[in-house]
Amino acid sequence: MAMSDYVRRLRRAVGSEPLLLPSVTVLILDEQQRLLLVRINNSQLWVAPGGSIDPGERPADAAVREAWEETGLKVRLTGLAGVFGGPDFRVSYPNGDVVDYIMTVFFASAEGGNLQPRDSEVAESRYFSRNELTDLELPRWAIILFPQIFSGTGRADCLDSSWCPPEA
C-alpha cells in the first residue's frame, strides 16, 4: 500500500526502474470458505490483504501485521499456499514505479478484532465466494492465483510453472 521508508530510499537511487521486492499475501477464509478481499481507495481493484516485507521482518510476522493493518482482524496463519513470482506478479503504479513482487501467500483464519480497515488506503473489505470473484476487478496475479487456491488440488505451488515437485 503506502511506500515504506526503505522503498523510498531505493527509489531515490534507481528511480522508477523495476524493483524486486519480497511481499506477503494473506488468504483469510471464513467458515463458508469465502475469501476476504479489500478494495483499494480510488480504485475498483480488489486484492487479498498483504504488502511488502520490511527489512529484518519474518514473512509470517509481515502477514499478520498486514492483515491487521488492512482488515482490523487478528489472524492465525494456518498454512502456506506457496511462493509466487514472475511476469504476472509485476505491478506498475500510477506514478510510473514498477515492482516485481516475490509473493509468499499464507492461508489464515480470523481469531479476533473487528472487520474494519485500519489502513487509510483501504476503502472497504468483504468476503466473497469463488463464484463472486468473477464479477470483481482483480489484479492479474489474483486472476491466476485465486482459482487455483479454490480448486482444492493442492498444487498452488506449481501454478503456471515449467517445473513442479513430484506429488507426495
N, C-alpha and C. Protein backbone atom coordinates (compact mmCIF):
# COMPACT_ATOMS: atom_id res chain seq x y z
N MET A 1 0.83 -1.18 0.00
CA MET A 1 0.00 0.00 0.00
C MET A 1 0.88 1.25 0.00
N ALA A 2 1.06 1.88 1.12
CA ALA A 2 1.89 3.09 1.18
C ALA A 2 3.35 2.70 1.04
N MET A 3 4.13 3.58 0.45
CA MET A 3 5.54 3.31 0.24
C MET A 3 6.30 3.41 1.56
N SER A 4 7.06 2.37 1.87
CA SER A 4 7.85 2.37 3.11
C SER A 4 9.07 3.28 2.94
N ASP A 5 9.67 3.65 4.06
CA ASP A 5 10.91 4.44 4.01
C ASP A 5 12.00 3.69 3.26
N TYR A 6 12.05 2.38 3.44
CA TYR A 6 13.04 1.55 2.76
C TYR A 6 12.89 1.66 1.24
N VAL A 7 11.67 1.48 0.74
CA VAL A 7 11.43 1.57 -0.70
C VAL A 7 11.66 2.99 -1.19
N ARG A 8 11.29 3.96 -0.41
CA ARG A 8 11.53 5.37 -0.79
C ARG A 8 13.03 5.62 -1.00
N ARG A 9 13.87 5.08 -0.11
CA ARG A 9 15.32 5.22 -0.27
C ARG A 9 15.81 4.51 -1.53
N LEU A 10 15.30 3.32 -1.81
CA LEU A 10 15.68 2.61 -3.02
C LEU A 10 15.25 3.39 -4.27
N ARG A 11 14.06 3.96 -4.23
CA ARG A 11 13.55 4.71 -5.37
C ARG A 11 14.42 5.93 -5.66
N ARG A 12 14.95 6.56 -4.63
CA ARG A 12 15.85 7.70 -4.85
C ARG A 12 17.08 7.27 -5.63
N ALA A 13 17.51 6.04 -5.42
CA ALA A 13 18.71 5.53 -6.09
C ALA A 13 18.43 5.02 -7.50
N VAL A 14 17.28 4.36 -7.71
CA VAL A 14 17.03 3.71 -9.00
C VAL A 14 15.89 4.32 -9.80
N GLY A 15 15.24 5.32 -9.27
CA GLY A 15 14.11 5.92 -9.98
C GLY A 15 12.96 4.93 -10.10
N SER A 16 12.32 4.89 -11.26
CA SER A 16 11.15 4.04 -11.47
C SER A 16 11.49 2.66 -12.01
N GLU A 17 12.79 2.36 -12.13
CA GLU A 17 13.20 1.05 -12.63
C GLU A 17 12.57 -0.06 -11.80
N PRO A 18 12.35 -1.23 -12.40
CA PRO A 18 11.74 -2.33 -11.65
C PRO A 18 12.56 -2.70 -10.41
N LEU A 19 11.87 -2.83 -9.28
CA LEU A 19 12.45 -3.33 -8.05
C LEU A 19 11.92 -4.74 -7.81
N LEU A 20 12.77 -5.62 -7.31
CA LEU A 20 12.36 -6.95 -6.90
C LEU A 20 12.14 -6.89 -5.40
N LEU A 21 10.88 -7.07 -4.96
CA LEU A 21 10.55 -6.91 -3.54
C LEU A 21 9.84 -8.14 -2.99
N PRO A 22 10.26 -8.60 -1.81
CA PRO A 22 9.52 -9.67 -1.15
C PRO A 22 8.22 -9.12 -0.56
N SER A 23 7.17 -9.92 -0.67
CA SER A 23 5.88 -9.48 -0.15
C SER A 23 5.12 -10.68 0.40
N VAL A 24 4.03 -10.36 1.10
CA VAL A 24 3.14 -11.39 1.63
C VAL A 24 1.72 -11.09 1.17
N THR A 25 0.95 -12.14 1.04
CA THR A 25 -0.48 -12.04 0.78
C THR A 25 -1.16 -13.01 1.74
N VAL A 26 -2.28 -12.58 2.31
CA VAL A 26 -2.97 -13.37 3.32
C VAL A 26 -4.36 -13.74 2.80
N LEU A 27 -4.59 -15.03 2.67
CA LEU A 27 -5.89 -15.54 2.23
C LEU A 27 -6.68 -15.93 3.46
N ILE A 28 -7.57 -15.02 3.87
CA ILE A 28 -8.38 -15.22 5.07
C ILE A 28 -9.71 -15.80 4.63
N LEU A 29 -9.96 -17.02 5.07
CA LEU A 29 -11.19 -17.71 4.71
C LEU A 29 -12.11 -17.79 5.92
N ASP A 30 -13.41 -17.60 5.67
CA ASP A 30 -14.37 -17.73 6.77
C ASP A 30 -14.92 -19.15 6.81
N GLU A 31 -15.91 -19.39 7.67
CA GLU A 31 -16.47 -20.73 7.85
C GLU A 31 -17.11 -21.27 6.57
N GLN A 32 -17.59 -20.39 5.70
CA GLN A 32 -18.21 -20.80 4.44
C GLN A 32 -17.19 -20.89 3.30
N GLN A 33 -15.90 -20.80 3.65
CA GLN A 33 -14.81 -20.84 2.68
C GLN A 33 -14.87 -19.69 1.68
N ARG A 34 -15.37 -18.55 2.17
CA ARG A 34 -15.34 -17.32 1.36
C ARG A 34 -14.02 -16.61 1.66
N LEU A 35 -13.52 -15.91 0.66
CA LEU A 35 -12.22 -15.24 0.75
C LEU A 35 -12.42 -13.76 1.06
N LEU A 36 -11.66 -13.26 2.04
CA LEU A 36 -11.72 -11.85 2.40
C LEU A 36 -10.83 -11.05 1.45
N LEU A 37 -11.43 -10.04 0.81
CA LEU A 37 -10.70 -9.13 -0.07
C LEU A 37 -10.91 -7.71 0.39
N VAL A 38 -9.95 -6.85 0.03
CA VAL A 38 -10.05 -5.43 0.33
C VAL A 38 -10.02 -4.66 -0.99
N ARG A 39 -10.78 -3.56 -1.02
CA ARG A 39 -10.77 -2.69 -2.20
C ARG A 39 -9.93 -1.47 -1.88
N ILE A 40 -9.04 -1.18 -2.79
CA ILE A 40 -8.12 -0.06 -2.63
C ILE A 40 -8.85 1.26 -2.90
N ASN A 41 -8.57 2.28 -2.10
CA ASN A 41 -9.15 3.61 -2.31
C ASN A 41 -8.87 4.10 -3.72
N ASN A 42 -9.79 4.89 -4.25
CA ASN A 42 -9.65 5.48 -5.58
C ASN A 42 -9.45 4.44 -6.67
N SER A 43 -9.98 3.24 -6.46
CA SER A 43 -9.84 2.16 -7.42
C SER A 43 -11.01 1.21 -7.25
N GLN A 44 -11.28 0.45 -8.28
CA GLN A 44 -12.25 -0.63 -8.17
C GLN A 44 -11.56 -1.97 -7.97
N LEU A 45 -10.24 -1.93 -7.79
CA LEU A 45 -9.43 -3.13 -7.69
C LEU A 45 -9.58 -3.79 -6.32
N TRP A 46 -9.84 -5.10 -6.32
CA TRP A 46 -9.95 -5.89 -5.10
C TRP A 46 -8.72 -6.79 -4.99
N VAL A 47 -8.14 -6.87 -3.81
CA VAL A 47 -6.96 -7.69 -3.57
C VAL A 47 -7.10 -8.39 -2.22
N ALA A 48 -6.33 -9.44 -2.04
CA ALA A 48 -6.22 -10.04 -0.72
C ALA A 48 -5.31 -9.15 0.12
N PRO A 49 -5.52 -9.09 1.42
CA PRO A 49 -4.64 -8.28 2.27
C PRO A 49 -3.19 -8.71 2.10
N GLY A 50 -2.30 -7.74 2.15
CA GLY A 50 -0.88 -8.05 2.03
C GLY A 50 -0.06 -6.82 1.77
N GLY A 51 1.23 -7.03 1.62
CA GLY A 51 2.14 -5.93 1.34
C GLY A 51 3.57 -6.36 1.45
N SER A 52 4.46 -5.40 1.40
CA SER A 52 5.89 -5.67 1.42
C SER A 52 6.37 -6.13 2.80
N ILE A 53 7.40 -6.95 2.76
CA ILE A 53 8.06 -7.38 3.98
C ILE A 53 9.13 -6.35 4.30
N ASP A 54 9.13 -5.85 5.52
CA ASP A 54 10.12 -4.87 5.93
C ASP A 54 11.48 -5.53 6.13
N PRO A 55 12.59 -4.79 5.95
CA PRO A 55 13.90 -5.36 6.21
C PRO A 55 13.97 -5.94 7.63
N GLY A 56 14.48 -7.16 7.74
CA GLY A 56 14.62 -7.81 9.04
C GLY A 56 13.34 -8.45 9.55
N GLU A 57 12.23 -8.33 8.83
CA GLU A 57 10.95 -8.87 9.28
C GLU A 57 10.75 -10.28 8.73
N ARG A 58 10.22 -11.17 9.54
CA ARG A 58 9.88 -12.51 9.09
C ARG A 58 8.62 -12.44 8.23
N PRO A 59 8.56 -13.24 7.15
CA PRO A 59 7.35 -13.21 6.31
C PRO A 59 6.06 -13.48 7.09
N ALA A 60 6.08 -14.42 8.01
CA ALA A 60 4.87 -14.71 8.79
C ALA A 60 4.45 -13.51 9.63
N ASP A 61 5.42 -12.81 10.21
CA ASP A 61 5.11 -11.62 11.00
C ASP A 61 4.55 -10.51 10.11
N ALA A 62 5.10 -10.38 8.91
CA ALA A 62 4.59 -9.38 7.96
C ALA A 62 3.15 -9.70 7.57
N ALA A 63 2.84 -10.99 7.39
CA ALA A 63 1.49 -11.39 7.02
C ALA A 63 0.48 -11.03 8.10
N VAL A 64 0.82 -11.31 9.35
CA VAL A 64 -0.07 -10.99 10.47
C VAL A 64 -0.23 -9.47 10.58
N ARG A 65 0.88 -8.73 10.44
CA ARG A 65 0.83 -7.26 10.52
C ARG A 65 -0.02 -6.68 9.40
N GLU A 66 0.21 -7.11 8.17
CA GLU A 66 -0.55 -6.58 7.03
C GLU A 66 -2.04 -6.90 7.16
N ALA A 67 -2.37 -8.11 7.60
CA ALA A 67 -3.78 -8.46 7.79
C ALA A 67 -4.43 -7.51 8.80
N TRP A 68 -3.74 -7.25 9.91
CA TRP A 68 -4.25 -6.35 10.94
C TRP A 68 -4.45 -4.94 10.37
N GLU A 69 -3.42 -4.42 9.69
CA GLU A 69 -3.50 -3.05 9.18
C GLU A 69 -4.61 -2.87 8.16
N GLU A 70 -4.80 -3.87 7.31
CA GLU A 70 -5.75 -3.70 6.21
C GLU A 70 -7.16 -4.18 6.51
N THR A 71 -7.32 -5.00 7.56
CA THR A 71 -8.66 -5.53 7.83
C THR A 71 -9.15 -5.28 9.25
N GLY A 72 -8.26 -5.00 10.19
CA GLY A 72 -8.65 -4.88 11.59
C GLY A 72 -8.83 -6.22 12.27
N LEU A 73 -8.44 -7.31 11.58
CA LEU A 73 -8.58 -8.65 12.14
C LEU A 73 -7.24 -9.17 12.64
N LYS A 74 -7.31 -9.84 13.78
CA LYS A 74 -6.16 -10.59 14.27
C LYS A 74 -6.28 -11.97 13.65
N VAL A 75 -5.24 -12.41 12.97
CA VAL A 75 -5.31 -13.69 12.26
C VAL A 75 -4.32 -14.69 12.81
N ARG A 76 -4.67 -15.95 12.60
CA ARG A 76 -3.77 -17.07 12.87
C ARG A 76 -3.44 -17.68 11.51
N LEU A 77 -2.16 -17.75 11.20
CA LEU A 77 -1.75 -18.37 9.93
C LEU A 77 -1.97 -19.86 10.03
N THR A 78 -2.61 -20.43 9.00
CA THR A 78 -2.96 -21.85 9.03
C THR A 78 -2.24 -22.68 7.99
N GLY A 79 -1.53 -22.03 7.08
CA GLY A 79 -0.81 -22.79 6.06
C GLY A 79 -0.14 -21.87 5.06
N LEU A 80 0.66 -22.49 4.24
CA LEU A 80 1.37 -21.78 3.18
C LEU A 80 0.80 -22.24 1.84
N ALA A 81 0.26 -21.31 1.08
CA ALA A 81 -0.28 -21.64 -0.24
C ALA A 81 0.85 -21.78 -1.25
N GLY A 82 1.92 -21.01 -1.07
CA GLY A 82 3.05 -21.09 -1.99
C GLY A 82 3.80 -19.78 -2.05
N VAL A 83 4.84 -19.80 -2.87
CA VAL A 83 5.64 -18.61 -3.12
C VAL A 83 5.61 -18.40 -4.63
N PHE A 84 5.23 -17.18 -5.04
CA PHE A 84 4.97 -16.90 -6.44
C PHE A 84 5.74 -15.69 -6.92
N GLY A 85 5.99 -15.64 -8.19
CA GLY A 85 6.64 -14.50 -8.81
C GLY A 85 6.59 -14.66 -10.32
N GLY A 86 7.26 -13.78 -11.01
CA GLY A 86 7.29 -13.85 -12.46
C GLY A 86 6.51 -12.71 -13.08
N PRO A 87 6.33 -12.76 -14.40
CA PRO A 87 5.74 -11.62 -15.11
C PRO A 87 4.34 -11.24 -14.64
N ASP A 88 3.56 -12.20 -14.18
CA ASP A 88 2.20 -11.88 -13.73
C ASP A 88 2.16 -11.22 -12.37
N PHE A 89 3.30 -11.13 -11.70
CA PHE A 89 3.38 -10.51 -10.38
C PHE A 89 4.11 -9.17 -10.44
N ARG A 90 4.22 -8.63 -11.65
CA ARG A 90 4.77 -7.28 -11.85
C ARG A 90 3.63 -6.29 -11.73
N VAL A 91 3.87 -5.23 -10.96
CA VAL A 91 2.87 -4.19 -10.76
C VAL A 91 3.47 -2.85 -11.21
N SER A 92 2.73 -2.15 -12.07
CA SER A 92 3.11 -0.80 -12.49
C SER A 92 2.17 0.17 -11.80
N TYR A 93 2.74 1.08 -11.04
CA TYR A 93 1.96 2.03 -10.27
C TYR A 93 1.69 3.30 -11.08
N PRO A 94 0.63 4.05 -10.74
CA PRO A 94 0.29 5.27 -11.49
C PRO A 94 1.43 6.29 -11.59
N ASN A 95 2.34 6.31 -10.60
CA ASN A 95 3.45 7.27 -10.64
C ASN A 95 4.60 6.81 -11.53
N GLY A 96 4.45 5.63 -12.17
CA GLY A 96 5.48 5.12 -13.06
C GLY A 96 6.40 4.09 -12.43
N ASP A 97 6.35 3.93 -11.12
CA ASP A 97 7.19 2.93 -10.45
C ASP A 97 6.75 1.53 -10.84
N VAL A 98 7.73 0.64 -10.98
CA VAL A 98 7.46 -0.76 -11.34
C VAL A 98 8.08 -1.65 -10.28
N VAL A 99 7.31 -2.66 -9.84
CA VAL A 99 7.77 -3.60 -8.82
C VAL A 99 7.47 -5.02 -9.30
N ASP A 100 8.47 -5.88 -9.20
CA ASP A 100 8.28 -7.32 -9.39
C ASP A 100 8.23 -7.93 -8.00
N TYR A 101 7.05 -8.41 -7.62
CA TYR A 101 6.88 -8.98 -6.28
C TYR A 101 7.19 -10.47 -6.27
N ILE A 102 7.90 -10.90 -5.25
CA ILE A 102 8.02 -12.31 -4.91
C ILE A 102 7.07 -12.47 -3.73
N MET A 103 5.96 -13.15 -3.98
CA MET A 103 4.83 -13.16 -3.06
C MET A 103 4.75 -14.48 -2.29
N THR A 104 4.90 -14.40 -0.98
CA THR A 104 4.66 -15.54 -0.11
C THR A 104 3.20 -15.46 0.32
N VAL A 105 2.44 -16.50 -0.02
CA VAL A 105 1.00 -16.48 0.20
C VAL A 105 0.64 -17.45 1.32
N PHE A 106 -0.01 -16.91 2.34
CA PHE A 106 -0.42 -17.68 3.51
C PHE A 106 -1.94 -17.84 3.55
N PHE A 107 -2.39 -18.96 4.07
CA PHE A 107 -3.80 -19.11 4.47
C PHE A 107 -3.89 -18.67 5.92
N ALA A 108 -5.04 -18.10 6.31
CA ALA A 108 -5.22 -17.65 7.68
C ALA A 108 -6.69 -17.72 8.06
N SER A 109 -6.93 -17.71 9.36
CA SER A 109 -8.30 -17.59 9.87
C SER A 109 -8.34 -16.43 10.85
N ALA A 110 -9.48 -15.78 10.90
CA ALA A 110 -9.65 -14.65 11.81
C ALA A 110 -9.80 -15.18 13.23
N GLU A 111 -9.07 -14.57 14.17
CA GLU A 111 -9.09 -15.01 15.56
C GLU A 111 -9.57 -13.90 16.50
N GLY A 112 -9.91 -12.75 15.96
CA GLY A 112 -10.34 -11.64 16.79
C GLY A 112 -10.30 -10.34 16.01
N GLY A 113 -10.62 -9.26 16.69
CA GLY A 113 -10.66 -7.96 16.05
C GLY A 113 -12.01 -7.70 15.40
N ASN A 114 -12.11 -6.59 14.72
CA ASN A 114 -13.34 -6.21 14.01
C ASN A 114 -12.99 -5.92 12.57
N LEU A 115 -13.80 -6.43 11.66
CA LEU A 115 -13.55 -6.22 10.23
C LEU A 115 -13.78 -4.75 9.90
N GLN A 116 -12.71 -3.99 10.01
CA GLN A 116 -12.74 -2.56 9.74
C GLN A 116 -11.31 -2.15 9.40
N PRO A 117 -11.08 -1.69 8.16
CA PRO A 117 -9.71 -1.34 7.76
C PRO A 117 -9.09 -0.33 8.71
N ARG A 118 -7.84 -0.59 9.08
CA ARG A 118 -7.07 0.33 9.92
C ARG A 118 -6.12 1.15 9.05
N ASP A 119 -6.06 0.82 7.77
CA ASP A 119 -5.19 1.47 6.81
C ASP A 119 -6.04 2.43 5.97
N SER A 120 -5.60 3.68 5.87
CA SER A 120 -6.39 4.69 5.15
C SER A 120 -6.46 4.43 3.65
N GLU A 121 -5.66 3.51 3.14
CA GLU A 121 -5.68 3.23 1.71
C GLU A 121 -6.69 2.15 1.33
N VAL A 122 -7.36 1.58 2.32
CA VAL A 122 -8.37 0.55 2.06
C VAL A 122 -9.75 1.18 2.16
N ALA A 123 -10.53 1.05 1.09
CA ALA A 123 -11.86 1.64 1.04
C ALA A 123 -12.90 0.74 1.72
N GLU A 124 -12.81 -0.55 1.49
CA GLU A 124 -13.78 -1.49 2.08
C GLU A 124 -13.21 -2.89 2.04
N SER A 125 -13.83 -3.76 2.81
CA SER A 125 -13.44 -5.17 2.84
C SER A 125 -14.70 -6.02 2.92
N ARG A 126 -14.64 -7.17 2.23
CA ARG A 126 -15.78 -8.09 2.19
C ARG A 126 -15.32 -9.50 1.87
N TYR A 127 -16.10 -10.46 2.33
CA TYR A 127 -15.86 -11.86 1.98
C TYR A 127 -16.59 -12.17 0.68
N PHE A 128 -15.94 -12.98 -0.18
CA PHE A 128 -16.52 -13.36 -1.46
C PHE A 128 -16.41 -14.86 -1.67
N SER A 129 -17.46 -15.45 -2.24
CA SER A 129 -17.41 -16.86 -2.63
C SER A 129 -16.61 -16.97 -3.93
N ARG A 130 -16.24 -18.18 -4.26
CA ARG A 130 -15.48 -18.41 -5.50
C ARG A 130 -16.24 -17.85 -6.70
N ASN A 131 -17.54 -18.08 -6.77
CA ASN A 131 -18.34 -17.61 -7.91
C ASN A 131 -18.41 -16.10 -7.99
N GLU A 132 -18.41 -15.43 -6.85
CA GLU A 132 -18.49 -13.96 -6.84
C GLU A 132 -17.21 -13.30 -7.34
N LEU A 133 -16.10 -14.02 -7.29
CA LEU A 133 -14.83 -13.44 -7.72
C LEU A 133 -14.83 -13.05 -9.19
N THR A 134 -15.62 -13.76 -10.00
CA THR A 134 -15.62 -13.49 -11.44
C THR A 134 -16.20 -12.12 -11.77
N ASP A 135 -16.96 -11.54 -10.86
CA ASP A 135 -17.57 -10.22 -11.09
C ASP A 135 -16.72 -9.07 -10.60
N LEU A 136 -15.55 -9.35 -10.04
CA LEU A 136 -14.72 -8.31 -9.43
C LEU A 136 -13.59 -7.90 -10.36
N GLU A 137 -13.13 -6.67 -10.18
CA GLU A 137 -11.91 -6.23 -10.84
C GLU A 137 -10.74 -6.67 -9.97
N LEU A 138 -9.94 -7.59 -10.51
CA LEU A 138 -8.81 -8.18 -9.78
C LEU A 138 -7.51 -7.90 -10.52
N PRO A 139 -6.40 -7.82 -9.79
CA PRO A 139 -5.11 -7.70 -10.48
C PRO A 139 -4.79 -9.01 -11.20
N ARG A 140 -3.90 -8.93 -12.16
CA ARG A 140 -3.55 -10.10 -12.98
C ARG A 140 -3.12 -11.28 -12.12
N TRP A 141 -2.31 -11.03 -11.07
CA TRP A 141 -1.84 -12.14 -10.25
C TRP A 141 -2.99 -12.85 -9.55
N ALA A 142 -4.00 -12.10 -9.13
CA ALA A 142 -5.13 -12.70 -8.41
C ALA A 142 -6.00 -13.52 -9.36
N ILE A 143 -6.15 -13.08 -10.59
CA ILE A 143 -6.94 -13.82 -11.57
C ILE A 143 -6.33 -15.20 -11.80
N ILE A 144 -5.02 -15.27 -11.70
CA ILE A 144 -4.31 -16.55 -11.87
C ILE A 144 -4.33 -17.36 -10.58
N LEU A 145 -4.08 -16.71 -9.46
CA LEU A 145 -3.89 -17.40 -8.19
C LEU A 145 -5.19 -17.87 -7.54
N PHE A 146 -6.21 -17.03 -7.48
CA PHE A 146 -7.41 -17.36 -6.71
C PHE A 146 -8.12 -18.63 -7.19
N PRO A 147 -8.34 -18.83 -8.49
CA PRO A 147 -8.99 -20.09 -8.90
C PRO A 147 -8.21 -21.32 -8.48
N GLN A 148 -6.89 -21.25 -8.53
CA GLN A 148 -6.07 -22.38 -8.12
C GLN A 148 -6.24 -22.65 -6.64
N ILE A 149 -6.30 -21.60 -5.84
CA ILE A 149 -6.47 -21.76 -4.40
C ILE A 149 -7.80 -22.45 -4.08
N PHE A 150 -8.85 -22.07 -4.82
CA PHE A 150 -10.17 -22.63 -4.58
C PHE A 150 -10.35 -24.01 -5.21
N SER A 151 -9.41 -24.45 -6.05
CA SER A 151 -9.59 -25.70 -6.78
C SER A 151 -9.48 -26.93 -5.90
N GLY A 152 -8.77 -26.78 -4.77
CA GLY A 152 -8.61 -27.93 -3.88
C GLY A 152 -7.62 -28.95 -4.39
N THR A 153 -6.85 -28.61 -5.44
CA THR A 153 -5.90 -29.58 -5.98
C THR A 153 -4.66 -29.71 -5.14
N GLY A 154 -4.40 -28.69 -4.30
CA GLY A 154 -3.18 -28.71 -3.50
C GLY A 154 -1.94 -28.46 -4.32
N ARG A 155 -2.11 -27.96 -5.53
CA ARG A 155 -0.96 -27.75 -6.39
C ARG A 155 -0.73 -26.27 -6.66
N ALA A 156 -1.06 -25.42 -5.71
CA ALA A 156 -0.80 -23.99 -5.88
C ALA A 156 0.69 -23.72 -6.03
N ASP A 157 1.52 -24.63 -5.51
CA ASP A 157 2.97 -24.45 -5.62
C ASP A 157 3.46 -24.58 -7.06
N CYS A 158 2.66 -25.12 -7.93
CA CYS A 158 3.06 -25.36 -9.32
C CYS A 158 2.38 -24.40 -10.28
N LEU A 159 1.73 -23.43 -9.77
CA LEU A 159 0.96 -22.51 -10.58
C LEU A 159 1.78 -21.94 -11.73
N ASP A 160 1.32 -22.21 -12.94
CA ASP A 160 1.92 -21.62 -14.14
C ASP A 160 3.44 -21.78 -14.14
N SER A 161 3.91 -22.97 -13.84
CA SER A 161 5.34 -23.19 -13.74
C SER A 161 5.77 -24.30 -14.68
N SER A 162 6.98 -24.21 -15.18
CA SER A 162 7.50 -25.26 -16.04
C SER A 162 8.07 -26.42 -15.20
N TRP A 163 8.26 -26.19 -13.91
CA TRP A 163 8.76 -27.23 -13.03
C TRP A 163 7.81 -27.38 -11.86
N CYS A 164 7.51 -28.60 -11.53
CA CYS A 164 6.60 -28.86 -10.43
C CYS A 164 7.16 -30.03 -9.61
N PRO A 165 7.24 -29.90 -8.27
CA PRO A 165 7.75 -31.02 -7.49
C PRO A 165 6.82 -32.23 -7.62
N PRO A 166 7.38 -33.43 -7.48
CA PRO A 166 6.53 -34.62 -7.60
C PRO A 166 5.51 -34.68 -6.48
N GLU A 167 4.37 -35.30 -6.81
CA GLU A 167 3.32 -35.49 -5.80
C GLU A 167 3.87 -36.35 -4.68
N ALA A 168 3.49 -36.05 -3.43
CA ALA A 168 3.95 -36.84 -2.28
C ALA A 168 3.19 -38.14 -2.21
